[in-house]
Every structure is written in C-alpha cells, then in structure tokens.
N, C-alpha and C. Protein backbone atom coordinates (compact mmCIF):
# COMPACT_ATOMS: atom_id res chain seq x y z
N MET A 1 275.76 235.04 105.44
CA MET A 1 276.40 234.79 106.72
C MET A 1 277.83 235.32 106.68
N ASP A 2 278.32 235.81 107.78
CA ASP A 2 279.66 236.36 107.91
C ASP A 2 280.71 235.30 107.58
N ALA A 3 281.76 235.70 106.82
CA ALA A 3 282.80 234.76 106.40
C ALA A 3 283.52 234.12 107.58
N ASP A 4 283.76 234.89 108.64
CA ASP A 4 284.43 234.32 109.82
C ASP A 4 283.58 233.24 110.46
N ILE A 5 282.28 233.46 110.52
CA ILE A 5 281.38 232.46 111.13
C ILE A 5 281.32 231.21 110.27
N THR A 6 281.20 231.37 108.95
CA THR A 6 281.15 230.18 108.10
C THR A 6 282.47 229.41 108.14
N SER A 7 283.57 230.13 108.25
CA SER A 7 284.87 229.47 108.38
C SER A 7 284.93 228.67 109.69
N LEU A 8 284.46 229.26 110.77
CA LEU A 8 284.43 228.55 112.05
C LEU A 8 283.55 227.31 111.98
N ILE A 9 282.44 227.42 111.31
CA ILE A 9 281.54 226.27 111.17
C ILE A 9 282.21 225.17 110.37
N ARG A 10 282.85 225.53 109.25
CA ARG A 10 283.57 224.52 108.44
C ARG A 10 284.66 223.85 109.26
N ASN A 11 285.42 224.65 110.02
CA ASN A 11 286.50 224.10 110.84
C ASN A 11 285.96 223.17 111.91
N GLU A 12 284.85 223.54 112.53
CA GLU A 12 284.25 222.70 113.57
C GLU A 12 283.76 221.38 112.99
N ARG A 13 283.16 221.43 111.82
CA ARG A 13 282.70 220.18 111.17
C ARG A 13 283.87 219.26 110.86
N ARG A 14 284.98 219.85 110.41
CA ARG A 14 286.18 219.04 110.14
C ARG A 14 286.73 218.45 111.44
N ARG A 15 286.73 219.27 112.49
CA ARG A 15 287.23 218.82 113.79
C ARG A 15 286.45 217.61 114.30
N GLU A 16 285.15 217.61 114.06
CA GLU A 16 284.30 216.51 114.51
C GLU A 16 284.60 215.21 113.77
N LYS A 17 285.13 215.30 112.56
CA LYS A 17 285.36 214.11 111.72
C LYS A 17 286.70 213.44 111.97
N PHE A 18 287.61 214.12 112.66
CA PHE A 18 288.95 213.58 112.87
C PHE A 18 289.28 213.56 114.36
N PRO A 19 290.13 212.64 114.79
CA PRO A 19 290.58 212.65 116.19
C PRO A 19 291.35 213.93 116.50
N VAL A 20 291.46 214.26 117.77
CA VAL A 20 292.12 215.50 118.21
C VAL A 20 293.54 215.60 117.66
N ASP A 21 294.29 214.51 117.70
CA ASP A 21 295.69 214.53 117.28
C ASP A 21 295.87 214.01 115.85
N ALA A 22 294.86 214.20 115.00
CA ALA A 22 294.90 213.68 113.64
C ALA A 22 296.08 214.24 112.86
N ALA A 23 296.78 213.35 112.19
CA ALA A 23 297.92 213.75 111.35
C ALA A 23 298.17 212.65 110.33
N CYS A 24 298.72 213.02 109.20
CA CYS A 24 299.07 212.06 108.16
C CYS A 24 300.10 211.08 108.72
N ALA A 25 299.85 209.80 108.53
CA ALA A 25 300.76 208.77 109.03
C ALA A 25 302.11 208.80 108.31
N HIS A 26 302.14 209.38 107.13
CA HIS A 26 303.37 209.39 106.34
C HIS A 26 304.23 210.63 106.60
N CYS A 27 303.61 211.83 106.53
CA CYS A 27 304.41 213.06 106.60
C CYS A 27 304.13 213.92 107.83
N GLY A 28 303.06 213.60 108.58
CA GLY A 28 302.76 214.37 109.78
C GLY A 28 301.86 215.58 109.56
N GLU A 29 301.41 215.83 108.33
CA GLU A 29 300.49 216.96 108.06
C GLU A 29 299.31 216.86 109.01
N SER A 30 299.01 217.96 109.70
CA SER A 30 297.93 217.92 110.69
C SER A 30 296.79 218.89 110.40
N ASP A 31 296.89 219.68 109.34
CA ASP A 31 295.79 220.57 108.99
C ASP A 31 294.65 219.70 108.44
N ARG A 32 293.53 219.72 109.13
CA ARG A 32 292.42 218.83 108.77
C ARG A 32 291.88 219.10 107.37
N ARG A 33 292.09 220.30 106.85
CA ARG A 33 291.65 220.60 105.48
C ARG A 33 292.42 219.76 104.47
N ALA A 34 293.60 219.27 104.84
CA ALA A 34 294.44 218.52 103.92
C ALA A 34 294.39 217.01 104.17
N LEU A 35 293.62 216.58 105.17
CA LEU A 35 293.56 215.15 105.49
C LEU A 35 292.43 214.47 104.73
N VAL A 36 292.67 213.24 104.30
CA VAL A 36 291.68 212.47 103.55
C VAL A 36 290.82 211.69 104.53
N LEU A 37 289.57 212.08 104.61
CA LEU A 37 288.63 211.41 105.51
C LEU A 37 288.46 209.94 105.10
N GLY A 38 288.59 209.05 106.06
CA GLY A 38 288.39 207.63 105.81
C GLY A 38 289.63 206.89 105.33
N SER A 39 290.73 207.58 105.13
CA SER A 39 291.94 206.87 104.70
C SER A 39 292.51 206.09 105.88
N GLU A 40 293.03 204.91 105.60
CA GLU A 40 293.56 204.04 106.66
C GLU A 40 294.87 203.44 106.18
N PRO A 41 295.99 203.78 106.78
CA PRO A 41 296.13 204.76 107.85
C PRO A 41 295.81 206.17 107.32
N LEU A 42 295.61 207.10 108.24
CA LEU A 42 295.24 208.46 107.87
C LEU A 42 296.33 209.08 107.00
N ARG A 43 295.93 209.65 105.87
CA ARG A 43 296.87 210.28 104.93
C ARG A 43 296.38 211.67 104.57
N CYS A 44 297.30 212.49 104.12
CA CYS A 44 296.95 213.79 103.55
C CYS A 44 296.82 213.59 102.04
N TYR A 45 296.32 214.62 101.37
CA TYR A 45 296.15 214.52 99.92
C TYR A 45 297.48 214.36 99.20
N SER A 46 298.52 215.03 99.67
CA SER A 46 299.83 214.92 99.01
C SER A 46 300.40 213.52 99.09
N CYS A 47 300.15 212.82 100.19
CA CYS A 47 300.68 211.47 100.37
C CYS A 47 299.73 210.39 99.84
N SER A 48 298.58 210.80 99.35
CA SER A 48 297.58 209.84 98.88
C SER A 48 297.62 209.61 97.39
N GLY A 49 298.59 210.12 96.72
CA GLY A 49 298.67 209.90 95.28
C GLY A 49 299.15 211.12 94.54
N GLN A 50 298.23 211.94 94.07
CA GLN A 50 298.60 213.10 93.27
C GLN A 50 299.29 214.15 94.13
N ARG A 51 300.51 214.48 93.79
CA ARG A 51 301.29 215.45 94.58
C ARG A 51 300.88 216.89 94.30
N THR A 52 300.45 217.17 93.06
CA THR A 52 300.00 218.51 92.71
C THR A 52 298.59 218.45 92.12
N GLU A 53 297.90 219.56 92.25
CA GLU A 53 296.55 219.70 91.69
C GLU A 53 296.46 221.09 91.07
N THR A 54 295.53 221.25 90.13
CA THR A 54 295.34 222.57 89.53
C THR A 54 294.32 223.36 90.33
N HIS A 55 294.62 224.63 90.53
CA HIS A 55 293.78 225.51 91.34
C HIS A 55 293.28 226.66 90.49
N HIS A 56 291.98 226.89 90.52
CA HIS A 56 291.40 228.05 89.85
C HIS A 56 291.64 229.26 90.76
N LEU A 57 292.68 229.99 90.47
CA LEU A 57 293.14 231.07 91.32
C LEU A 57 292.05 232.09 91.62
N ALA A 58 291.25 232.44 90.63
CA ALA A 58 290.20 233.43 90.80
C ALA A 58 288.84 232.79 91.05
N GLY A 59 288.81 231.46 91.18
CA GLY A 59 287.54 230.75 91.28
C GLY A 59 287.04 230.41 89.88
N ARG A 60 286.36 229.30 89.75
CA ARG A 60 285.89 228.84 88.43
C ARG A 60 285.00 229.84 87.72
N SER A 61 284.21 230.59 88.46
CA SER A 61 283.26 231.53 87.85
C SER A 61 283.94 232.76 87.26
N ASN A 62 285.18 233.01 87.65
CA ASN A 62 285.86 234.23 87.23
C ASN A 62 286.89 234.04 86.14
N ALA A 63 287.49 232.88 86.05
CA ALA A 63 288.54 232.65 85.05
C ALA A 63 288.80 231.15 84.93
N SER A 64 289.16 230.75 83.73
CA SER A 64 289.49 229.34 83.51
C SER A 64 290.96 229.06 83.81
N VAL A 65 291.73 230.12 84.08
CA VAL A 65 293.16 229.98 84.35
C VAL A 65 293.37 229.20 85.64
N THR A 66 294.30 228.24 85.57
CA THR A 66 294.65 227.46 86.76
C THR A 66 296.15 227.54 86.99
N ILE A 67 296.53 227.29 88.23
CA ILE A 67 297.95 227.20 88.57
C ILE A 67 298.16 225.88 89.31
N PRO A 68 299.33 225.27 89.16
CA PRO A 68 299.59 224.05 89.92
C PRO A 68 299.95 224.40 91.36
N LEU A 69 299.37 223.66 92.28
CA LEU A 69 299.71 223.80 93.70
C LEU A 69 299.94 222.41 94.27
N PRO A 70 300.79 222.29 95.29
CA PRO A 70 300.86 221.01 95.99
C PRO A 70 299.44 220.65 96.47
N ALA A 71 299.13 219.36 96.47
CA ALA A 71 297.76 218.91 96.76
C ALA A 71 297.22 219.46 98.08
N ASN A 72 298.02 219.42 99.13
CA ASN A 72 297.54 219.93 100.43
C ASN A 72 297.25 221.42 100.36
N GLU A 73 298.15 222.18 99.75
CA GLU A 73 297.97 223.62 99.66
C GLU A 73 296.78 223.96 98.77
N HIS A 74 296.49 223.12 97.77
CA HIS A 74 295.31 223.33 96.95
C HIS A 74 294.05 223.23 97.81
N ARG A 75 294.02 222.26 98.70
CA ARG A 75 292.86 222.11 99.59
C ARG A 75 292.70 223.34 100.48
N LEU A 76 293.80 223.85 100.98
CA LEU A 76 293.75 225.03 101.84
C LEU A 76 293.33 226.28 101.06
N ALA A 77 293.89 226.45 99.85
CA ALA A 77 293.54 227.61 99.03
C ALA A 77 292.06 227.57 98.64
N SER A 78 291.56 226.38 98.30
CA SER A 78 290.14 226.26 97.96
C SER A 78 289.26 226.56 99.17
N ASP A 79 289.70 226.15 100.34
CA ASP A 79 288.95 226.46 101.55
C ASP A 79 288.94 227.97 101.80
N LEU A 80 290.06 228.63 101.58
CA LEU A 80 290.11 230.09 101.75
C LEU A 80 289.15 230.80 100.81
N GLN A 81 288.97 230.25 99.61
CA GLN A 81 288.02 230.86 98.67
C GLN A 81 286.60 230.86 99.23
N GLN A 82 286.29 229.90 100.08
CA GLN A 82 284.95 229.84 100.67
C GLN A 82 284.70 231.01 101.62
N ASN A 83 285.76 231.71 102.02
CA ASN A 83 285.62 232.90 102.87
C ASN A 83 285.37 234.17 102.06
N TRP A 84 285.54 234.10 100.75
CA TRP A 84 285.32 235.27 99.91
C TRP A 84 283.84 235.62 99.92
N PRO A 85 283.52 236.89 99.67
CA PRO A 85 282.10 237.23 99.49
C PRO A 85 281.53 236.39 98.34
N LYS A 86 280.35 235.88 98.53
CA LYS A 86 279.74 235.02 97.49
C LYS A 86 279.62 235.76 96.16
N SER A 87 279.39 237.07 96.22
CA SER A 87 279.27 237.84 94.98
C SER A 87 280.59 237.84 94.20
N MET A 88 281.71 237.73 94.90
CA MET A 88 283.00 237.67 94.23
C MET A 88 283.29 236.25 93.76
N LEU A 89 283.04 235.28 94.59
CA LEU A 89 283.35 233.89 94.23
C LEU A 89 282.48 233.43 93.06
N ARG A 90 281.22 233.80 93.06
CA ARG A 90 280.28 233.33 92.02
C ARG A 90 280.19 234.29 90.83
N ASN A 91 280.36 235.58 91.08
CA ASN A 91 280.32 236.62 90.04
C ASN A 91 279.18 236.38 89.05
N PRO A 92 277.93 236.42 89.51
CA PRO A 92 276.79 236.06 88.65
C PRO A 92 276.63 236.94 87.41
N SER A 93 277.09 238.19 87.46
CA SER A 93 276.93 239.07 86.30
C SER A 93 278.18 239.07 85.40
N SER A 94 279.18 238.26 85.76
CA SER A 94 280.43 238.18 84.99
C SER A 94 281.15 239.53 84.89
N SER A 95 281.09 240.30 85.95
CA SER A 95 281.75 241.60 85.97
C SER A 95 283.27 241.43 85.86
N PRO A 96 283.90 242.15 84.93
CA PRO A 96 285.36 242.04 84.82
C PRO A 96 286.07 242.59 86.05
N LEU A 97 285.48 243.59 86.70
CA LEU A 97 286.11 244.13 87.91
C LEU A 97 286.06 243.13 89.05
N VAL A 98 284.95 242.43 89.17
CA VAL A 98 284.85 241.40 90.21
C VAL A 98 285.82 240.26 89.89
N ALA A 99 285.95 239.91 88.62
CA ALA A 99 286.91 238.86 88.22
C ALA A 99 288.34 239.29 88.56
N MET A 100 288.68 240.56 88.33
CA MET A 100 290.01 241.05 88.69
C MET A 100 290.20 241.02 90.21
N ALA A 101 289.16 241.40 90.94
CA ALA A 101 289.24 241.37 92.41
C ALA A 101 289.47 239.94 92.89
N ALA A 102 288.78 238.99 92.28
CA ALA A 102 288.94 237.58 92.66
C ALA A 102 290.34 237.09 92.34
N SER A 103 290.87 237.51 91.22
CA SER A 103 292.24 237.12 90.86
C SER A 103 293.24 237.66 91.88
N MET A 104 293.08 238.92 92.25
CA MET A 104 293.98 239.51 93.26
C MET A 104 293.83 238.80 94.61
N GLN A 105 292.58 238.51 95.00
CA GLN A 105 292.37 237.83 96.27
C GLN A 105 292.97 236.42 96.23
N GLY A 106 292.84 235.76 95.09
CA GLY A 106 293.44 234.44 94.94
C GLY A 106 294.95 234.47 95.13
N TRP A 107 295.60 235.47 94.52
CA TRP A 107 297.05 235.60 94.70
C TRP A 107 297.39 235.91 96.15
N CYS A 108 296.60 236.77 96.79
CA CYS A 108 296.84 237.08 98.21
C CYS A 108 296.76 235.80 99.05
N ASP A 109 295.75 234.97 98.78
CA ASP A 109 295.59 233.72 99.52
C ASP A 109 296.78 232.79 99.31
N VAL A 110 297.21 232.63 98.05
CA VAL A 110 298.33 231.74 97.74
C VAL A 110 299.62 232.27 98.37
N LEU A 111 299.85 233.57 98.28
CA LEU A 111 301.06 234.13 98.89
C LEU A 111 301.04 233.97 100.40
N ALA A 112 299.88 234.13 101.03
CA ALA A 112 299.77 233.91 102.47
C ALA A 112 300.10 232.46 102.83
N LEU A 113 299.64 231.51 102.00
CA LEU A 113 299.96 230.10 102.24
C LEU A 113 301.46 229.84 102.08
N ILE A 114 302.07 230.46 101.07
CA ILE A 114 303.52 230.28 100.87
C ILE A 114 304.27 230.80 102.09
N ILE A 115 303.88 231.98 102.57
CA ILE A 115 304.55 232.54 103.74
C ILE A 115 304.32 231.67 104.96
N GLU A 116 303.07 231.29 105.20
CA GLU A 116 302.73 230.51 106.40
C GLU A 116 303.36 229.13 106.38
N ARG A 117 303.25 228.43 105.27
CA ARG A 117 303.67 227.03 105.22
C ARG A 117 305.06 226.82 104.64
N GLY A 118 305.54 227.79 103.86
CA GLY A 118 306.82 227.62 103.20
C GLY A 118 307.99 228.27 103.91
N VAL A 119 307.82 229.51 104.33
CA VAL A 119 308.94 230.24 104.92
C VAL A 119 308.62 230.86 106.27
N GLY A 120 307.40 230.76 106.72
CA GLY A 120 306.99 231.39 107.97
C GLY A 120 307.74 230.89 109.20
N TRP A 121 308.27 229.70 109.14
CA TRP A 121 309.00 229.11 110.27
C TRP A 121 310.43 229.63 110.39
N ILE A 122 310.96 230.23 109.33
CA ILE A 122 312.38 230.61 109.31
C ILE A 122 312.75 231.66 110.35
N PRO A 123 311.97 232.74 110.55
CA PRO A 123 312.38 233.71 111.57
C PRO A 123 312.55 233.10 112.96
N ALA A 124 311.62 232.27 113.39
CA ALA A 124 311.74 231.64 114.71
C ALA A 124 312.95 230.71 114.77
N ALA A 125 313.21 230.00 113.68
CA ALA A 125 314.36 229.10 113.65
C ALA A 125 315.68 229.88 113.73
N LEU A 126 315.75 231.01 113.05
CA LEU A 126 316.97 231.84 113.10
C LEU A 126 317.19 232.42 114.49
N VAL A 127 316.13 232.85 115.14
CA VAL A 127 316.25 233.38 116.50
C VAL A 127 316.71 232.28 117.46
N ALA A 128 316.15 231.07 117.30
CA ALA A 128 316.57 229.95 118.15
C ALA A 128 318.04 229.59 117.89
N LEU A 129 318.45 229.59 116.63
CA LEU A 129 319.84 229.31 116.29
C LEU A 129 320.77 230.36 116.90
N ASP A 130 320.38 231.64 116.81
CA ASP A 130 321.18 232.70 117.41
C ASP A 130 321.31 232.49 118.92
N ALA A 131 320.22 232.12 119.59
CA ALA A 131 320.28 231.88 121.03
C ALA A 131 321.23 230.73 121.36
N ALA A 132 321.18 229.66 120.57
CA ALA A 132 322.06 228.52 120.80
C ALA A 132 323.53 228.90 120.57
N LEU A 133 323.80 229.63 119.49
CA LEU A 133 325.17 230.05 119.21
C LEU A 133 325.68 231.02 120.28
N THR A 134 324.82 231.90 120.73
CA THR A 134 325.21 232.85 121.79
C THR A 134 325.54 232.10 123.07
N GLU A 135 324.74 231.10 123.41
CA GLU A 135 325.00 230.31 124.63
C GLU A 135 326.32 229.55 124.53
N LYS A 136 326.59 228.99 123.36
CA LYS A 136 327.80 228.18 123.17
C LYS A 136 329.06 229.03 122.97
N LEU A 137 328.93 230.13 122.21
CA LEU A 137 330.12 230.84 121.75
C LEU A 137 330.24 232.28 122.26
N GLY A 138 329.19 232.79 122.87
CA GLY A 138 329.26 234.15 123.41
C GLY A 138 328.42 235.15 122.63
N GLU A 139 328.29 236.32 123.25
CA GLU A 139 327.41 237.37 122.75
C GLU A 139 327.66 237.78 121.30
N ARG A 140 328.87 237.86 120.89
CA ARG A 140 329.17 238.32 119.53
C ARG A 140 329.80 237.18 118.72
N TRP A 141 329.14 236.04 118.71
CA TRP A 141 329.65 234.83 118.08
C TRP A 141 329.99 235.06 116.60
N TRP A 142 329.27 235.92 115.93
CA TRP A 142 329.47 236.13 114.50
C TRP A 142 330.80 236.82 114.17
N THR A 143 331.48 237.37 115.17
CA THR A 143 332.76 238.03 114.93
C THR A 143 333.94 237.06 115.02
N LEU A 144 333.70 235.84 115.44
CA LEU A 144 334.76 234.85 115.55
C LEU A 144 335.29 234.46 114.17
N ASP A 145 336.58 234.16 114.11
CA ASP A 145 337.22 233.81 112.84
C ASP A 145 336.54 232.61 112.16
N ALA A 146 336.04 231.67 112.93
CA ALA A 146 335.41 230.48 112.36
C ALA A 146 334.20 230.83 111.49
N PHE A 147 333.62 232.00 111.69
CA PHE A 147 332.42 232.39 110.95
C PHE A 147 332.72 233.36 109.81
N MET A 148 333.99 233.58 109.52
CA MET A 148 334.37 234.50 108.43
C MET A 148 333.74 234.09 107.10
N VAL A 149 333.68 232.80 106.81
CA VAL A 149 333.14 232.35 105.53
C VAL A 149 331.65 232.67 105.39
N PHE A 150 330.96 232.89 106.49
CA PHE A 150 329.53 233.17 106.45
C PHE A 150 329.22 234.67 106.44
N ARG A 151 330.24 235.48 106.59
CA ARG A 151 330.01 236.92 106.67
C ARG A 151 329.51 237.47 105.34
N VAL A 152 328.52 238.28 105.44
CA VAL A 152 328.00 238.99 104.28
C VAL A 152 328.03 240.47 104.62
N GLN A 153 328.12 241.29 103.61
CA GLN A 153 328.12 242.72 103.84
C GLN A 153 326.68 243.16 104.10
N LEU A 154 326.40 243.53 105.33
CA LEU A 154 325.07 244.00 105.67
C LEU A 154 324.94 245.48 105.33
N PRO A 155 323.75 245.89 104.94
CA PRO A 155 323.55 247.32 104.60
C PRO A 155 323.78 248.20 105.82
N ALA A 156 324.16 249.44 105.58
CA ALA A 156 324.34 250.41 106.66
C ALA A 156 323.06 250.50 107.47
N GLY A 157 323.23 250.60 108.76
CA GLY A 157 322.08 250.73 109.65
C GLY A 157 321.56 249.41 110.19
N VAL A 158 322.07 248.28 109.68
CA VAL A 158 321.62 246.97 110.16
C VAL A 158 322.49 246.57 111.35
N VAL A 159 321.86 246.16 112.41
CA VAL A 159 322.57 245.74 113.63
C VAL A 159 323.40 244.50 113.32
N GLY A 160 324.53 244.32 114.02
CA GLY A 160 325.34 243.12 113.87
C GLY A 160 326.37 243.21 112.77
N ARG A 161 326.74 244.41 112.37
CA ARG A 161 327.70 244.57 111.27
C ARG A 161 329.12 244.25 111.66
N GLY A 162 329.41 244.07 112.91
CA GLY A 162 330.80 243.78 113.24
C GLY A 162 331.05 243.69 114.70
C-alpha cells in the first residue's frame, strides 16, 4: 500500500481516539502521535514520565545503534519510519546498502523534526517582530541608536545593512 495512504489511515485512526481539541493538560502538546491514550488528565509521553527515549535511527532491522530523543519526538520519528518502504524498514536480506539508506532516511526524518518542532517557528516570529518594531519605531528601526548594541556585520549583498 502507498505510504501516503497508510499514513492517512494511521492519522485517521488516531483522530478517532482523541477529541478534536486534544492536547496535553500539562504542556499543550497536540500532536496525537505524542499523546498517551487513556491518560487522565490527557498527557503526552514527555509529561508522563520518561523525558527521553532511545530511537533506532535506521530501524531495528538495520542497526542496533540508538540515539536519545525527547519522548514525544521519538513517537513522531517512529511514526515516520512507518512511511518507509517495507523493504527498507525490514531489510529481510540484511543488505548493507539498504541499511545505509535506512540510516540516511532516519537522519532526514530526525532533522525534519528538529526543523519543524525546534526552530521552524523562528522565521515567522522574526517577521512578526519586525512588523511590530516597524509599526512602533518606523521603517528603518534598526538604524536607531538604541539598537547599536544589536548590530552585527551583515555580509555584502544582504538587505538591511544600514
């Protein structure tokens, strides 16, 4: 079955098990892959005890190497592995090339999670901050003396150099 379809099916099954506005009562985590079914009040894995878990980056069939991940991100990374081709996730012939491919895919998944959940919000926040500063202080707010301590030397060709 196509990975996108199986992912949609998994997501729909999770959606059926939780209320529409489901979120961890402690931290607000709302990704259903990270919520503990049946917890009362509703909790995510990170708030339910173990803060980190070990993740088989290439899948158990490809390597015994594990990396520590925050518990919620471990649940998401493991779910992403379910989208891999079964021949890569299971590697029935123990092909070293398939194991290397799985390792690379595992790193791609983890890096995507870091970007999405760790730093992905920063560009929008910086644009919003710029809009607020522009409204309060004017179009070229960064040239004001009060912001001298924050000035950094931007590379040639970067807008906003002065």
